């Protein structure tokens, strides 16, 4: 798999890594800039610009990564559900499927207590 294919297939994870790296760089640059100031009044704008931007980008990266993981889990659940539907369909066509609660039985027309 080449790099462009990987980036297209994992765009959300690539964006998460880039956001986290950008946040770490913003924090580092803010720390370097703030260390040269002696007075707290001079440090506040740097904390606001570098520190808060860095924390926001790191949080955004974490949210993007979690979103990618959740999307993978939903895809797995969809595949499992499709497989179960296919198995259920095979059992129903073979006449071996039990009646599910709340569904009408194929031969008696009973509603299982409803």
PDB file of N, CA and C in Angstrom:
ATOM      1  N   UNK A   1       0.848  -1.162   0.000  1.00  0.00           N
ATOM      2  CA  UNK A   1       0.000   0.000   0.000  1.00  0.00           C
ATOM      3  C   UNK A   1       0.902   1.235   0.000  1.00  0.00           C
ATOM      4  N   UNK A   2       0.675   2.106  -0.951  1.00  0.00           N
ATOM      5  CA  UNK A   2       1.502   3.299  -0.998  1.00  0.00           C
ATOM      6  C   UNK A   2       0.927   4.383  -0.085  1.00  0.00           C
ATOM      7  N   UNK A   3       1.634   5.478   0.058  1.00  0.00           N
ATOM      8  CA  UNK A   3       1.285   6.515   1.015  1.00  0.00           C
ATOM      9  C   UNK A   3      -0.043   7.196   0.678  1.00  0.00           C
ATOM     10  N   UNK A   4      -0.287   7.490  -0.582  1.00  0.00           N
ATOM     11  CA  UNK A   4      -1.531   8.184  -0.934  1.00  0.00           C
ATOM     12  C   UNK A   4      -2.753   7.306  -0.674  1.00  0.00           C
ATOM     13  N   UNK A   5      -2.649   6.017  -0.927  1.00  0.00           N
ATOM     14  CA  UNK A   5      -3.754   5.102  -0.639  1.00  0.00           C
ATOM     15  C   UNK A   5      -4.002   5.020   0.859  1.00  0.00           C
ATOM     16  N   UNK A   6      -2.932   4.969   1.637  1.00  0.00           N
ATOM     17  CA  UNK A   6      -3.061   4.920   3.091  1.00  0.00           C
ATOM     18  C   UNK A   6      -3.725   6.187   3.618  1.00  0.00           C
ATOM     19  N   UNK A   7      -3.317   7.339   3.098  1.00  0.00           N
ATOM     20  CA  UNK A   7      -3.887   8.607   3.562  1.00  0.00           C
ATOM     21  C   UNK A   7      -5.369   8.687   3.203  1.00  0.00           C
ATOM     22  N   UNK A   8      -5.749   8.222   2.027  1.00  0.00           N
ATOM     23  CA  UNK A   8      -7.164   8.245   1.645  1.00  0.00           C
ATOM     24  C   UNK A   8      -7.991   7.296   2.501  1.00  0.00           C
ATOM     25  N   UNK A   9      -7.460   6.131   2.797  1.00  0.00           N
ATOM     26  CA  UNK A   9      -8.244   5.158   3.555  1.00  0.00           C
ATOM     27  C   UNK A   9      -8.276   5.470   5.051  1.00  0.00           C
ATOM     28  N   UNK A  10      -7.285   6.181   5.544  1.00  0.00           N
ATOM     29  CA  UNK A  10      -7.210   6.509   6.970  1.00  0.00           C
ATOM     30  C   UNK A  10      -7.168   8.020   7.188  1.00  0.00           C
ATOM     31  N   UNK A  11      -7.964   8.761   6.446  1.00  0.00           N
ATOM     32  CA  UNK A  11      -7.910  10.227   6.496  1.00  0.00           C
ATOM     33  C   UNK A  11      -8.220  10.758   7.883  1.00  0.00           C
ATOM     34  N   UNK A  12      -9.158  10.134   8.595  1.00  0.00           N
ATOM     35  CA  UNK A  12      -9.501  10.621   9.916  1.00  0.00           C
ATOM     36  C   UNK A  12      -8.358  10.412  10.909  1.00  0.00           C
ATOM     37  N   UNK A  13      -7.648   9.304  10.794  1.00  0.00           N
ATOM     38  CA  UNK A  13      -6.514   9.077  11.691  1.00  0.00           C
ATOM     39  C   UNK A  13      -5.323   9.976  11.330  1.00  0.00           C
ATOM     40  N   UNK A  14      -5.113  10.221  10.040  1.00  0.00           N
ATOM     41  CA  UNK A  14      -4.053  11.129   9.620  1.00  0.00           C
ATOM     42  C   UNK A  14      -4.347  12.536  10.141  1.00  0.00           C
ATOM     43  N   UNK A  15      -5.612  12.972  10.046  1.00  0.00           N
ATOM     44  CA  UNK A  15      -5.991  14.281  10.570  1.00  0.00           C
ATOM     45  C   UNK A  15      -5.802  14.338  12.083  1.00  0.00           C
ATOM     46  N   UNK A  16      -6.087  13.234  12.775  1.00  0.00           N
ATOM     47  CA  UNK A  16      -5.896  13.197  14.232  1.00  0.00           C
ATOM     48  C   UNK A  16      -4.427  13.346  14.595  1.00  0.00           C
ATOM     49  N   UNK A  17      -3.560  12.647  13.875  1.00  0.00           N
ATOM     50  CA  UNK A  17      -2.127  12.742  14.146  1.00  0.00           C
ATOM     51  C   UNK A  17      -1.619  14.145  13.842  1.00  0.00           C
ATOM     52  N   UNK A  18      -2.065  14.726  12.729  1.00  0.00           N
ATOM     53  CA  UNK A  18      -1.632  16.074  12.379  1.00  0.00           C
ATOM     54  C   UNK A  18      -2.109  17.102  13.404  1.00  0.00           C
ATOM     55  N   UNK A  19      -3.350  16.983  13.860  1.00  0.00           N
ATOM     56  CA  UNK A  19      -3.870  17.917  14.862  1.00  0.00           C
ATOM     57  C   UNK A  19      -3.113  17.782  16.179  1.00  0.00           C
ATOM     58  N   UNK A  20      -2.830  16.553  16.588  1.00  0.00           N
ATOM     59  CA  UNK A  20      -2.097  16.340  17.831  1.00  0.00           C
ATOM     60  C   UNK A  20      -0.671  16.858  17.718  1.00  0.00           C
ATOM     61  N   UNK A  21      -0.032  16.612  16.596  1.00  0.00           N
ATOM     62  CA  UNK A  21       1.334  17.122  16.392  1.00  0.00           C
ATOM     63  C   UNK A  21       1.332  18.649  16.358  1.00  0.00           C
ATOM     64  N   UNK A  22       0.339  19.237  15.700  1.00  0.00           N
ATOM     65  CA  UNK A  22       0.237  20.698  15.688  1.00  0.00           C
ATOM     66  C   UNK A  22       0.017  21.259  17.074  1.00  0.00           C
ATOM     67  N   UNK A  23      -0.784  20.582  17.874  1.00  0.00           N
ATOM     68  CA  UNK A  23      -1.003  21.010  19.257  1.00  0.00           C
ATOM     69  C   UNK A  23       0.261  20.926  20.093  1.00  0.00           C
ATOM     70  N   UNK A  24       1.004  19.845  19.901  1.00  0.00           N
ATOM     71  CA  UNK A  24       2.266  19.705  20.648  1.00  0.00           C
ATOM     72  C   UNK A  24       3.259  20.791  20.228  1.00  0.00           C
ATOM     73  N   UNK A  25       3.313  21.092  18.953  1.00  0.00           N
ATOM     74  CA  UNK A  25       4.215  22.147  18.474  1.00  0.00           C
ATOM     75  C   UNK A  25       3.783  23.504  19.031  1.00  0.00           C
ATOM     76  N   UNK A  26       2.476  23.784  19.048  1.00  0.00           N
ATOM     77  CA  UNK A  26       1.987  25.047  19.594  1.00  0.00           C
ATOM     78  C   UNK A  26       2.333  25.175  21.078  1.00  0.00           C
ATOM     79  N   UNK A  27       2.195  24.081  21.829  1.00  0.00           N
ATOM     80  CA  UNK A  27       2.572  24.117  23.245  1.00  0.00           C
ATOM     81  C   UNK A  27       4.066  24.345  23.417  1.00  0.00           C
ATOM     82  N   UNK A  28       4.855  23.681  22.611  1.00  0.00           N
ATOM     83  CA  UNK A  28       6.304  23.843  22.706  1.00  0.00           C
ATOM     84  C   UNK A  28       6.736  25.266  22.356  1.00  0.00           C
ATOM     85  N   UNK A  29       6.191  25.801  21.275  1.00  0.00           N
ATOM     86  CA  UNK A  29       6.529  27.173  20.884  1.00  0.00           C
ATOM     87  C   UNK A  29       6.066  28.157  21.957  1.00  0.00           C
ATOM     88  N   UNK A  30       4.881  27.942  22.507  1.00  0.00           N
ATOM     89  CA  UNK A  30       4.394  28.802  23.583  1.00  0.00           C
ATOM     90  C   UNK A  30       5.288  28.748  24.807  1.00  0.00           C
ATOM     91  N   UNK A  31       5.742  27.550  25.156  1.00  0.00           N
ATOM     92  CA  UNK A  31       6.626  27.406  26.313  1.00  0.00           C
ATOM     93  C   UNK A  31       7.963  28.116  26.074  1.00  0.00           C
ATOM     94  N   UNK A  32       8.506  27.982  24.876  1.00  0.00           N
ATOM     95  CA  UNK A  32       9.774  28.654  24.562  1.00  0.00           C
ATOM     96  C   UNK A  32       9.590  30.173  24.610  1.00  0.00           C
ATOM     97  N   UNK A  33       8.490  30.659  24.059  1.00  0.00           N
ATOM     98  CA  UNK A  33       8.252  32.106  24.052  1.00  0.00           C
ATOM     99  C   UNK A  33       7.997  32.625  25.452  1.00  0.00           C
ATOM    100  N   UNK A  34       7.247  31.883  26.262  1.00  0.00           N
ATOM    101  CA  UNK A  34       6.896  32.362  27.602  1.00  0.00           C
ATOM    102  C   UNK A  34       8.101  32.349  28.544  1.00  0.00           C
ATOM    103  N   UNK A  35       9.054  31.482  28.275  1.00  0.00           N
ATOM    104  CA  UNK A  35      10.220  31.409  29.167  1.00  0.00           C
ATOM    105  C   UNK A  35      11.114  32.641  29.066  1.00  0.00           C
ATOM    106  N   UNK A  36      10.956  33.430  28.018  1.00  0.00           N
ATOM    107  CA  UNK A  36      11.790  34.631  27.888  1.00  0.00           C
ATOM    108  C   UNK A  36      11.183  35.842  28.586  1.00  0.00           C
ATOM    109  N   UNK A  37       9.932  35.758  29.000  1.00  0.00           N
ATOM    110  CA  UNK A  37       9.291  36.884  29.682  1.00  0.00           C
ATOM    111  C   UNK A  37       9.400  36.725  31.190  1.00  0.00           C
ATOM    112  N   UNK A  38       9.634  37.839  31.860  1.00  0.00           N
ATOM    113  CA  UNK A  38       9.782  37.825  33.312  1.00  0.00           C
ATOM    114  C   UNK A  38       8.458  38.135  33.987  1.00  0.00           C
ATOM    115  N   UNK A  39       7.721  39.063  33.455  1.00  0.00           N
ATOM    116  CA  UNK A  39       6.503  39.542  34.099  1.00  0.00           C
ATOM    117  C   UNK A  39       5.288  38.740  33.627  1.00  0.00           C
ATOM    118  N   UNK A  40       4.397  38.384  34.562  1.00  0.00           N
ATOM    119  CA  UNK A  40       3.196  37.626  34.191  1.00  0.00           C
ATOM    120  C   UNK A  40       2.299  38.359  33.189  1.00  0.00           C
ATOM    121  N   UNK A  41       2.284  39.671  33.245  1.00  0.00           N
ATOM    122  CA  UNK A  41       1.464  40.426  32.300  1.00  0.00           C
ATOM    123  C   UNK A  41       1.943  40.215  30.866  1.00  0.00           C
ATOM    124  N   UNK A  42       3.212  39.961  30.683  1.00  0.00           N
ATOM    125  CA  UNK A  42       3.743  39.686  29.356  1.00  0.00           C
ATOM    126  C   UNK A  42       3.490  38.235  28.937  1.00  0.00           C
ATOM    127  N   UNK A  43       3.317  37.353  29.911  1.00  0.00           N
ATOM    128  CA  UNK A  43       3.144  35.933  29.628  1.00  0.00           C
ATOM    129  C   UNK A  43       1.706  35.571  29.235  1.00  0.00           C
ATOM    130  N   UNK A  44       0.741  36.347  29.696  1.00  0.00           N
ATOM    131  CA  UNK A  44      -0.670  36.003  29.485  1.00  0.00           C
ATOM    132  C   UNK A  44      -1.038  35.891  28.004  1.00  0.00           C
ATOM    133  N   UNK A  45      -0.650  36.835  27.142  1.00  0.00           N
ATOM    134  CA  UNK A  45      -1.013  36.665  25.724  1.00  0.00           C
ATOM    135  C   UNK A  45      -0.414  35.407  25.094  1.00  0.00           C
ATOM    136  N   UNK A  46       0.774  35.037  25.531  1.00  0.00           N
ATOM    137  CA  UNK A  46       1.407  33.834  24.983  1.00  0.00           C
ATOM    138  C   UNK A  46       0.671  32.586  25.470  1.00  0.00           C
ATOM    139  N   UNK A  47       0.246  32.598  26.733  1.00  0.00           N
ATOM    140  CA  UNK A  47      -0.515  31.466  27.266  1.00  0.00           C
ATOM    141  C   UNK A  47      -1.828  31.318  26.503  1.00  0.00           C
ATOM    142  N   UNK A  48      -2.477  32.430  26.243  1.00  0.00           N
ATOM    143  CA  UNK A  48      -3.754  32.388  25.539  1.00  0.00           C
ATOM    144  C   UNK A  48      -3.563  31.904  24.106  1.00  0.00           C
ATOM    145  N   UNK A  49      -2.584  32.458  23.411  1.00  0.00           N
ATOM    146  CA  UNK A  49      -2.419  32.092  22.002  1.00  0.00           C
ATOM    147  C   UNK A  49      -1.802  30.711  21.824  1.00  0.00           C
ATOM    148  N   UNK A  50      -0.690  30.443  22.473  1.00  0.00           N
ATOM    149  CA  UNK A  50      -0.007  29.165  22.281  1.00  0.00           C
ATOM    150  C   UNK A  50      -0.594  28.030  23.085  1.00  0.00           C
ATOM    151  N   UNK A  51      -0.848  28.287  24.358  1.00  0.00           N
ATOM    152  CA  UNK A  51      -1.309  27.219  25.244  1.00  0.00           C
ATOM    153  C   UNK A  51      -2.701  26.738  24.927  1.00  0.00           C
ATOM    154  N   UNK A  52      -3.635  27.665  24.797  1.00  0.00           N
ATOM    155  CA  UNK A  52      -5.006  27.254  24.521  1.00  0.00           C
ATOM    156  C   UNK A  52      -5.155  26.664  23.128  1.00  0.00           C
ATOM    157  N   UNK A  53      -4.428  27.210  22.160  1.00  0.00           N
ATOM    158  CA  UNK A  53      -4.458  26.642  20.813  1.00  0.00           C
ATOM    159  C   UNK A  53      -3.899  25.218  20.825  1.00  0.00           C
ATOM    160  N   UNK A  54      -2.796  25.029  21.526  1.00  0.00           N
ATOM    161  CA  UNK A  54      -2.201  23.699  21.621  1.00  0.00           C
ATOM    162  C   UNK A  54      -3.126  22.698  22.284  1.00  0.00           C
ATOM    163  N   UNK A  55      -3.753  23.095  23.391  1.00  0.00           N
ATOM    164  CA  UNK A  55      -4.677  22.191  24.075  1.00  0.00           C
ATOM    165  C   UNK A  55      -5.892  21.879  23.214  1.00  0.00           C
ATOM    166  N   UNK A  56      -6.395  22.890  22.501  1.00  0.00           N
ATOM    167  CA  UNK A  56      -7.531  22.644  21.611  1.00  0.00           C
ATOM    168  C   UNK A  56      -7.167  21.640  20.519  1.00  0.00           C
ATOM    169  N   UNK A  57      -6.003  21.822  19.904  1.00  0.00           N
ATOM    170  CA  UNK A  57      -5.605  20.912  18.824  1.00  0.00           C
ATOM    171  C   UNK A  57      -5.372  19.488  19.337  1.00  0.00           C
ATOM    172  N   UNK A  58      -4.818  19.355  20.517  1.00  0.00           N
ATOM    173  CA  UNK A  58      -4.621  18.009  21.091  1.00  0.00           C
ATOM    174  C   UNK A  58      -5.975  17.368  21.381  1.00  0.00           C
ATOM    175  N   UNK A  59      -6.911  18.139  21.926  1.00  0.00           N
ATOM    176  CA  UNK A  59      -8.265  17.609  22.161  1.00  0.00           C
ATOM    177  C   UNK A  59      -8.961  17.231  20.871  1.00  0.00           C
ATOM    178  N   UNK A  60      -8.789  18.057  19.842  1.00  0.00           N
ATOM    179  CA  UNK A  60      -9.370  17.744  18.536  1.00  0.00           C
ATOM    180  C   UNK A  60      -8.777  16.460  17.965  1.00  0.00           C
ATOM    181  N   UNK A  61      -7.471  16.291  18.100  1.00  0.00           N
ATOM    182  CA  UNK A  61      -6.828  15.068  17.628  1.00  0.00           C
ATOM    183  C   UNK A  61      -7.352  13.837  18.350  1.00  0.00           C
ATOM    184  N   UNK A  62      -7.548  13.955  19.662  1.00  0.00           N
ATOM    185  CA  UNK A  62      -8.082  12.824  20.425  1.00  0.00           C
ATOM    186  C   UNK A  62      -9.508  12.497  19.986  1.00  0.00           C
ATOM    187  N   UNK A  63     -10.316  13.526  19.762  1.00  0.00           N
ATOM    188  CA  UNK A  63     -11.695  13.296  19.327  1.00  0.00           C
ATOM    189  C   UNK A  63     -11.734  12.656  17.941  1.00  0.00           C
ATOM    190  N   UNK A  64     -10.872  13.096  17.045  1.00  0.00           N
ATOM    191  CA  UNK A  64     -10.827  12.500  15.706  1.00  0.00           C
ATOM    192  C   UNK A  64     -10.401  11.038  15.763  1.00  0.00           C
ATOM    193  N   UNK A  65      -9.436  10.733  16.607  1.00  0.00           N
ATOM    194  CA  UNK A  65      -8.968   9.345  16.730  1.00  0.00           C
ATOM    195  C   UNK A  65     -10.081   8.459  17.287  1.00  0.00           C
ATOM    196  N   UNK A  66     -10.776   8.938  18.322  1.00  0.00           N
ATOM    197  CA  UNK A  66     -11.873   8.158  18.887  1.00  0.00           C
ATOM    198  C   UNK A  66     -13.002   7.978  17.874  1.00  0.00           C
ATOM    199  N   UNK A  67     -13.263   9.004  17.093  1.00  0.00           N
ATOM    200  CA  UNK A  67     -14.283   8.900  16.052  1.00  0.00           C
ATOM    201  C   UNK A  67     -13.912   7.833  15.023  1.00  0.00           C
ATOM    202  N   UNK A  68     -12.644   7.777  14.654  1.00  0.00           N
ATOM    203  CA  UNK A  68     -12.196   6.755  13.702  1.00  0.00           C
ATOM    204  C   UNK A  68     -12.356   5.360  14.291  1.00  0.00           C
ATOM    205  N   UNK A  69     -12.028   5.204  15.573  1.00  0.00           N
ATOM    206  CA  UNK A  69     -12.193   3.901  16.212  1.00  0.00           C
ATOM    207  C   UNK A  69     -13.665   3.492  16.286  1.00  0.00           C
ATOM    208  N   UNK A  70     -14.526   4.442  16.624  1.00  0.00           N
ATOM    209  CA  UNK A  70     -15.955   4.129  16.676  1.00  0.00           C
ATOM    210  C   UNK A  70     -16.497   3.756  15.302  1.00  0.00           C
ATOM    211  N   UNK A  71     -16.036   4.440  14.272  1.00  0.00           N
ATOM    212  CA  UNK A  71     -16.467   4.116  12.917  1.00  0.00           C
ATOM    213  C   UNK A  71     -16.040   2.697  12.545  1.00  0.00           C
ATOM    214  N   UNK A  72     -14.837   2.294  12.940  1.00  0.00           N
ATOM    215  CA  UNK A  72     -14.391   0.919  12.683  1.00  0.00           C
ATOM    216  C   UNK A  72     -15.275  -0.089  13.404  1.00  0.00           C
ATOM    217  N   UNK A  73     -15.634   0.211  14.644  1.00  0.00           N
ATOM    218  CA  UNK A  73     -16.484  -0.705  15.406  1.00  0.00           C
ATOM    219  C   UNK A  73     -17.872  -0.818  14.769  1.00  0.00           C
ATOM    220  N   UNK A  74     -18.419   0.297  14.288  1.00  0.00           N
ATOM    221  CA  UNK A  74     -19.729   0.246  13.634  1.00  0.00           C
ATOM    222  C   UNK A  74     -19.661  -0.581  12.362  1.00  0.00           C
ATOM    223  N   UNK A  75     -18.556  -0.468  11.618  1.00  0.00           N
ATOM    224  CA  UNK A  75     -18.404  -1.293  10.414  1.00  0.00           C
ATOM    225  C   UNK A  75     -18.372  -2.772  10.769  1.00  0.00           C
ATOM    226  N   UNK A  76     -17.675  -3.126  11.844  1.00  0.00           N
ATOM    227  CA  UNK A  76     -17.635  -4.521  12.274  1.00  0.00           C
ATOM    228  C   UNK A  76     -19.027  -5.003  12.672  1.00  0.00           C
ATOM    229  N   UNK A  77     -19.751  -4.177  13.418  1.00  0.00           N
ATOM    230  CA  UNK A  77     -21.099  -4.560  13.820  1.00  0.00           C
ATOM    231  C   UNK A  77     -22.025  -4.702  12.617  1.00  0.00           C
ATOM    232  N   UNK A  78     -21.868  -3.842  11.623  1.00  0.00           N
ATOM    233  CA  UNK A  78     -22.666  -3.970  10.407  1.00  0.00           C
ATOM    234  C   UNK A  78     -22.378  -5.274   9.684  1.00  0.00           C
ATOM    235  N   UNK A  79     -21.090  -5.671   9.623  1.00  0.00           N
ATOM    236  CA  UNK A  79     -20.747  -6.942   8.980  1.00  0.00           C
ATOM    237  C   UNK A  79     -21.344  -8.118   9.750  1.00  0.00           C
ATOM    238  N   UNK A  80     -21.296  -8.057  11.073  1.00  0.00           N
ATOM    239  CA  UNK A  80     -21.878  -9.130  11.887  1.00  0.00           C
ATOM    240  C   UNK A  80     -23.381  -9.203  11.667  1.00  0.00           C
ATOM    241  N   UNK A  81     -24.030  -8.041  11.653  1.00  0.00           N
ATOM    242  CA  UNK A  81     -25.475  -8.017  11.442  1.00  0.00           C
ATOM    243  C   UNK A  81     -25.849  -8.554  10.060  1.00  0.00           C
ATOM    244  N   UNK A  82     -25.094  -8.196   9.041  1.00  0.00           N
ATOM    245  CA  UNK A  82     -25.354  -8.721   7.699  1.00  0.00           C
ATOM    246  C   UNK A  82     -25.190 -10.230   7.653  1.00  0.00           C
ATOM    247  N   UNK A  83     -24.169 -10.734   8.321  1.00  0.00           N
ATOM    248  CA  UNK A  83     -23.954 -12.186   8.355  1.00  0.00           C
ATOM    249  C   UNK A  83     -25.083 -12.895   9.088  1.00  0.00           C
ATOM    250  N   UNK A  84     -25.533 -12.310  10.198  1.00  0.00           N
ATOM    251  CA  UNK A  84     -26.649 -12.913  10.919  1.00  0.00           C
ATOM    252  C   UNK A  84     -27.935 -12.901  10.087  1.00  0.00           C
ATOM    253  N   UNK A  85     -28.162 -11.816   9.343  1.00  0.00           N
ATOM    254  CA  UNK A  85     -29.332 -11.770   8.466  1.00  0.00           C
ATOM    255  C   UNK A  85     -29.244 -12.842   7.380  1.00  0.00           C
ATOM    256  N   UNK A  86     -28.055 -13.014   6.820  1.00  0.00           N
ATOM    257  CA  UNK A  86     -27.877 -14.028   5.785  1.00  0.00           C
ATOM    258  C   UNK A  86     -28.120 -15.422   6.361  1.00  0.00           C
ATOM    259  N   UNK A  87     -27.608 -15.677   7.550  1.00  0.00           N
ATOM    260  CA  UNK A  87     -27.826 -16.978   8.191  1.00  0.00           C
ATOM    261  C   UNK A  87     -29.310 -17.189   8.496  1.00  0.00           C
ATOM    262  N   UNK A  88     -29.959 -16.136   8.980  1.00  0.00           N
ATOM    263  CA  UNK A  88     -31.387 -16.227   9.287  1.00  0.00           C
ATOM    264  C   UNK A  88     -32.187 -16.515   8.014  1.00  0.00           C
ATOM    265  N   UNK A  89     -31.819 -15.849   6.931  1.00  0.00           N
ATOM    266  CA  UNK A  89     -32.510 -16.069   5.659  1.00  0.00           C
ATOM    267  C   UNK A  89     -32.328 -17.513   5.191  1.00  0.00           C
ATOM    268  N   UNK A  90     -31.123 -18.045   5.332  1.00  0.00           N
ATOM    269  CA  UNK A  90     -30.892 -19.440   4.942  1.00  0.00           C
ATOM    270  C   UNK A  90     -31.730 -20.392   5.784  1.00  0.00           C
ATOM    271  N   UNK A  91     -31.824 -20.123   7.082  1.00  0.00           N
ATOM    272  CA  UNK A  91     -32.627 -20.987   7.946  1.00  0.00           C
ATOM    273  C   UNK A  91     -34.115 -20.876   7.615  1.00  0.00           C
ATOM    274  N   UNK A  92     -34.577 -19.673   7.323  1.00  0.00           N
ATOM    275  CA  UNK A  92     -35.989 -19.507   6.984  1.00  0.00           C
ATOM    276  C   UNK A  92     -36.342 -20.190   5.669  1.00  0.00           C
ATOM    277  N   UNK A  93     -35.456 -20.116   4.685  1.00  0.00           N
ATOM    278  CA  UNK A  93     -35.747 -20.775   3.405  1.00  0.00           C
ATOM    279  C   UNK A  93     -35.682 -22.286   3.534  1.00  0.00           C
ATOM    280  N   UNK A  94     -34.892 -22.776   4.468  1.00  0.00           N
ATOM    281  CA  UNK A  94     -34.816 -24.221   4.680  1.00  0.00           C
ATOM    282  C   UNK A  94     -35.945 -24.706   5.585  1.00  0.00           C
ATOM    283  N   UNK A  95     -36.696 -23.785   6.204  1.00  0.00           N
ATOM    284  CA  UNK A  95     -37.800 -24.169   7.080  1.00  0.00           C
ATOM    285  C   UNK A  95     -37.348 -24.578   8.458  1.00  0.00           C
ATOM    286  N   UNK A  96     -36.127 -24.277   8.831  1.00  0.00           N
ATOM    287  CA  UNK A  96     -35.608 -24.709  10.123  1.00  0.00           C
ATOM    288  C   UNK A  96     -35.519 -23.578  11.125  1.00  0.00           C
ATOM    289  N   UNK A  97     -35.963 -22.396  10.787  1.00  0.00           N
ATOM    290  CA  UNK A  97     -35.825 -21.257  11.691  1.00  0.00           C
ATOM    291  C   UNK A  97     -36.948 -21.253  12.711  1.00  0.00           C
ATOM    292  N   UNK A  98     -36.640 -21.077  13.993  1.00  0.00           N
ATOM    293  CA  UNK A  98     -37.699 -20.972  14.997  1.00  0.00           C
ATOM    294  C   UNK A  98     -38.388 -19.611  14.874  1.00  0.00           C
ATOM    295  N   UNK A  99     -39.618 -19.554  15.317  1.00  0.00           N
ATOM    296  CA  UNK A  99     -40.353 -18.281  15.283  1.00  0.00           C
ATOM    297  C   UNK A  99     -39.780 -17.359  16.345  1.00  0.00           C
ATOM    298  N   UNK A 100     -39.537 -16.144  15.973  1.00  0.00           N
ATOM    299  CA  UNK A 100     -39.037 -15.156  16.924  1.00  0.00           C
ATOM    300  C   UNK A 100     -40.189 -14.597  17.738  1.00  0.00           C
ATOM    301  N   UNK A 101     -39.953 -14.184  18.982  1.00  0.00           N
ATOM    302  CA  UNK A 101     -41.032 -13.592  19.787  1.00  0.00           C
ATOM    303  C   UNK A 101     -41.592 -12.361  19.092  1.00  0.00           C
ATOM    304  N   UNK A 102     -42.914 -12.286  19.059  1.00  0.00           N
ATOM    305  CA  UNK A 102     -43.557 -11.142  18.428  1.00  0.00           C
ATOM    306  C   UNK A 102     -43.802 -11.330  16.944  1.00  0.00           C
ATOM    307  N   UNK A 103     -43.281 -12.401  16.343  1.00  0.00           N
ATOM    308  CA  UNK A 103     -43.505 -12.670  14.919  1.00  0.00           C
ATOM    309  C   UNK A 103     -44.520 -13.801  14.807  1.00  0.00           C
ATOM    310  N   UNK A 104     -45.256 -13.794  13.752  1.00  0.00           N
ATOM    311  CA  UNK A 104     -46.218 -14.864  13.518  1.00  0.00           C
ATOM    312  C   UNK A 104     -45.495 -16.143  13.120  1.00  0.00           C
ATOM    313  N   UNK A 105     -45.938 -17.224  13.689  1.00  0.00           N
ATOM    314  CA  UNK A 105     -45.381 -18.515  13.298  1.00  0.00           C
ATOM    315  C   UNK A 105     -45.855 -18.833  11.888  1.00  0.00           C
ATOM    316  N   UNK A 106     -45.022 -19.472  11.106  1.00  0.00           N
ATOM    317  CA  UNK A 106     -45.308 -19.716   9.688  1.00  0.00           C
ATOM    318  C   UNK A 106     -46.473 -20.684   9.497  1.00  0.00           C
ATOM    319  N   UNK A 107     -46.660 -21.658  10.381  1.00  0.00           N
ATOM    320  CA  UNK A 107     -47.671 -22.691  10.143  1.00  0.00           C
ATOM    321  C   UNK A 107     -48.955 -22.448  10.908  1.00  0.00           C
ATOM    322  N   UNK A 108     -48.909 -21.911  12.124  1.00  0.00           N
ATOM    323  CA  UNK A 108     -50.116 -21.827  12.944  1.00  0.00           C
ATOM    324  C   UNK A 108     -50.795 -20.470  12.881  1.00  0.00           C
ATOM    325  N   UNK A 109     -50.076 -19.435  12.551  1.00  0.00           N
ATOM    326  CA  UNK A 109     -50.662 -18.100  12.549  1.00  0.00           C
ATOM    327  C   UNK A 109     -50.757 -17.517  13.942  1.00  0.00           C
ATOM    328  N   UNK A 110     -50.154 -18.198  14.926  1.00  0.00           N
ATOM    329  CA  UNK A 110     -50.189 -17.711  16.308  1.00  0.00           C
ATOM    330  C   UNK A 110     -49.280 -16.499  16.458  1.00  0.00           C
ATOM    331  N   UNK A 111     -49.586 -15.705  17.472  1.00  0.00           N
ATOM    332  CA  UNK A 111     -48.794 -14.481  17.678  1.00  0.00           C
ATOM    333  C   UNK A 111     -47.958 -14.546  18.942  1.00  0.00           C
ATOM    334  N   UNK A 112     -47.772 -15.731  19.495  1.00  0.00           N
ATOM    335  CA  UNK A 112     -46.953 -15.917  20.695  1.00  0.00           C
ATOM    336  C   UNK A 112     -47.450 -15.060  21.866  1.00  0.00           C
ATOM    337  N   UNK A 113     -48.741 -15.159  22.151  1.00  0.00           N
ATOM    338  CA  UNK A 113     -49.286 -14.485  23.326  1.00  0.00           C
ATOM    339  C   UNK A 113     -49.766 -13.071  23.062  1.00  0.00           C
ATOM    340  N   UNK A 114     -49.793 -12.617  21.867  1.00  0.00           N
ATOM    341  CA  UNK A 114     -50.273 -11.248  21.578  1.00  0.00           C
ATOM    342  C   UNK A 114     -51.641 -11.295  20.969  1.00  0.00           C
TER     343      UNK A 114
END
